[in-house]
Amino acid sequence: MVLAQLTSREKALYTQLKTNYKDDLVQYQRYLKEEVRLRTELRKTVLPIKSGLQGVQGSGFKSDKPYSAYMRFGPRPSTTNGL
């Protein structure tokens, strides 16, 4: 459809929708940029020993320490929980 064939009301609507689309696209790109920034900041806060565990599940985790050595950071099972 050629823009010249539209009525003035359709042209106004087209222009409004095009502007809204561009604004939404800019906002979405800002959102993606902020998401990357936050993810980067979060990854900086992960302890080095825990960052090695990120690939444990299903990715062939290789280490000279047994997996149980890393488990000391997790919750300890209770023997008095009544089960």
C-alpha atoms as a PDB file:
ATOM      1  CA  MET A   1       0.000   0.000   0.000  1.00  0.00           C
ATOM      2  CA  VAL A   2       1.359   3.394  -0.935  1.00  0.00           C
ATOM      3  CA  LEU A   3       1.246   6.152   1.646  1.00  0.00           C
ATOM      4  CA  ALA A   4      -0.128   8.612  -0.923  1.00  0.00           C
ATOM      5  CA  GLN A   5      -3.275   6.504  -1.303  1.00  0.00           C
ATOM      6  CA  LEU A   6      -4.222   6.849   2.383  1.00  0.00           C
ATOM      7  CA  THR A   7      -6.744   9.345   3.674  1.00  0.00           C
ATOM      8  CA  SER A   8      -5.568  12.095   6.010  1.00  0.00           C
ATOM      9  CA  ARG A   9      -7.003  10.221   9.010  1.00  0.00           C
ATOM     10  CA  GLU A  10      -5.141   7.026   7.990  1.00  0.00           C
ATOM     11  CA  LYS A  11      -1.924   8.999   7.457  1.00  0.00           C
ATOM     12  CA  ALA A  12      -2.229  10.522  10.938  1.00  0.00           C
ATOM     13  CA  LEU A  13      -2.839   7.093  12.436  1.00  0.00           C
ATOM     14  CA  TYR A  14       0.105   5.619  10.502  1.00  0.00           C
ATOM     15  CA  THR A  15       2.395   8.408  11.710  1.00  0.00           C
ATOM     16  CA  GLN A  16       1.242   7.947  15.299  1.00  0.00           C
ATOM     17  CA  LEU A  17       1.750   4.168  15.185  1.00  0.00           C
ATOM     18  CA  LYS A  18       5.174   4.551  13.587  1.00  0.00           C
ATOM     19  CA  THR A  19       6.227   6.986  16.330  1.00  0.00           C
ATOM     20  CA  ASN A  20       4.914   4.671  19.045  1.00  0.00           C
ATOM     21  CA  TYR A  21       6.773   1.741  17.506  1.00  0.00           C
ATOM     22  CA  LYS A  22      10.056   3.663  17.440  1.00  0.00           C
ATOM     23  CA  ASP A  23       9.598   4.778  21.049  1.00  0.00           C
ATOM     24  CA  ASP A  24       8.830   1.219  22.146  1.00  0.00           C
ATOM     25  CA  LEU A  25      11.867  -0.074  20.290  1.00  0.00           C
ATOM     26  CA  VAL A  26      14.149   2.462  21.975  1.00  0.00           C
ATOM     27  CA  GLN A  27      12.694   1.595  25.380  1.00  0.00           C
ATOM     28  CA  TYR A  28      13.184  -2.132  24.746  1.00  0.00           C
ATOM     29  CA  GLN A  29      16.809  -1.569  23.718  1.00  0.00           C
ATOM     30  CA  ARG A  30      17.386   0.383  26.941  1.00  0.00           C
ATOM     31  CA  TYR A  31      15.853  -2.498  28.865  1.00  0.00           C
ATOM     32  CA  LEU A  32      18.188  -5.013  27.208  1.00  0.00           C
ATOM     33  CA  LYS A  33      21.207  -2.820  27.916  1.00  0.00           C
ATOM     34  CA  GLU A  34      20.205  -2.487  31.573  1.00  0.00           C
ATOM     35  CA  GLU A  35      19.667  -6.252  31.832  1.00  0.00           C
ATOM     36  CA  VAL A  36      23.194  -6.883  30.551  1.00  0.00           C
ATOM     37  CA  ARG A  37      24.611  -4.307  32.978  1.00  0.00           C
ATOM     38  CA  LEU A  38      22.808  -5.885  35.947  1.00  0.00           C
ATOM     39  CA  ARG A  39      23.814  -9.413  34.936  1.00  0.00           C
ATOM     40  CA  THR A  40      27.442  -8.290  34.712  1.00  0.00           C
ATOM     41  CA  GLU A  41      27.284  -6.668  38.149  1.00  0.00           C
ATOM     42  CA  LEU A  42      25.676  -9.776  39.617  1.00  0.00           C
ATOM     43  CA  ARG A  43      28.325 -12.061  38.174  1.00  0.00           C
ATOM     44  CA  LYS A  44      31.032  -9.903  39.758  1.00  0.00           C
ATOM     45  CA  THR A  45      29.555 -10.645  43.175  1.00  0.00           C
ATOM     46  CA  VAL A  46      29.627 -14.449  42.848  1.00  0.00           C
ATOM     47  CA  LEU A  47      32.332 -16.046  44.958  1.00  0.00           C
ATOM     48  CA  PRO A  48      35.104 -17.628  42.856  1.00  0.00           C
ATOM     49  CA  ILE A  49      34.435 -21.103  44.274  1.00  0.00           C
ATOM     50  CA  LYS A  50      30.742 -20.842  43.466  1.00  0.00           C
ATOM     51  CA  SER A  51      31.381 -19.507  39.988  1.00  0.00           C
ATOM     52  CA  GLY A  52      33.100 -22.810  39.230  1.00  0.00           C
ATOM     53  CA  LEU A  53      29.877 -24.598  40.100  1.00  0.00           C
ATOM     54  CA  GLN A  54      27.753 -22.806  37.523  1.00  0.00           C
ATOM     55  CA  GLY A  55      28.412 -25.540  34.988  1.00  0.00           C
ATOM     56  CA  VAL A  56      27.936 -28.479  37.354  1.00  0.00           C
ATOM     57  CA  GLN A  57      24.578 -29.649  36.090  1.00  0.00           C
ATOM     58  CA  GLY A  58      24.917 -31.498  32.819  1.00  0.00           C
ATOM     59  CA  SER A  59      27.994 -29.857  31.393  1.00  0.00           C
ATOM     60  CA  GLY A  60      30.764 -32.245  32.355  1.00  0.00           C
ATOM     61  CA  PHE A  61      32.014 -30.404  35.460  1.00  0.00           C
ATOM     62  CA  LYS A  62      35.682 -31.187  35.902  1.00  0.00           C
ATOM     63  CA  SER A  63      37.650 -30.455  39.044  1.00  0.00           C
ATOM     64  CA  ASP A  64      40.367 -32.031  41.109  1.00  0.00           C
ATOM     65  CA  LYS A  65      38.130 -31.612  44.192  1.00  0.00           C
ATOM     66  CA  PRO A  66      35.249 -33.998  44.786  1.00  0.00           C
ATOM     67  CA  TYR A  67      31.805 -32.484  44.420  1.00  0.00           C
ATOM     68  CA  SER A  68      31.208 -33.022  48.152  1.00  0.00           C
ATOM     69  CA  ALA A  69      33.929 -30.470  48.908  1.00  0.00           C
ATOM     70  CA  TYR A  70      31.750 -27.805  47.328  1.00  0.00           C
ATOM     71  CA  MET A  71      28.677 -28.862  49.257  1.00  0.00           C
ATOM     72  CA  ARG A  72      29.981 -27.353  52.486  1.00  0.00           C
ATOM     73  CA  PHE A  73      28.480 -24.060  51.360  1.00  0.00           C
ATOM     74  CA  GLY A  74      24.987 -25.526  51.178  1.00  0.00           C
ATOM     75  CA  PRO A  75      22.585 -26.291  54.031  1.00  0.00           C
ATOM     76  CA  ARG A  76      23.486 -29.167  56.251  1.00  0.00           C
ATOM     77  CA  PRO A  77      20.944 -31.981  56.654  1.00  0.00           C
ATOM     78  CA  SER A  78      19.389 -32.247  60.084  1.00  0.00           C
ATOM     79  CA  THR A  79      19.194 -35.618  61.819  1.00  0.00           C
ATOM     80  CA  THR A  80      16.527 -34.358  64.232  1.00  0.00           C
ATOM     81  CA  ASN A  81      13.910 -33.365  61.684  1.00  0.00           C
ATOM     82  CA  GLY A  82      11.581 -36.184  62.717  1.00  0.00           C
ATOM     83  CA  LEU A  83      11.652 -38.129  59.448  1.00  0.00           C
END
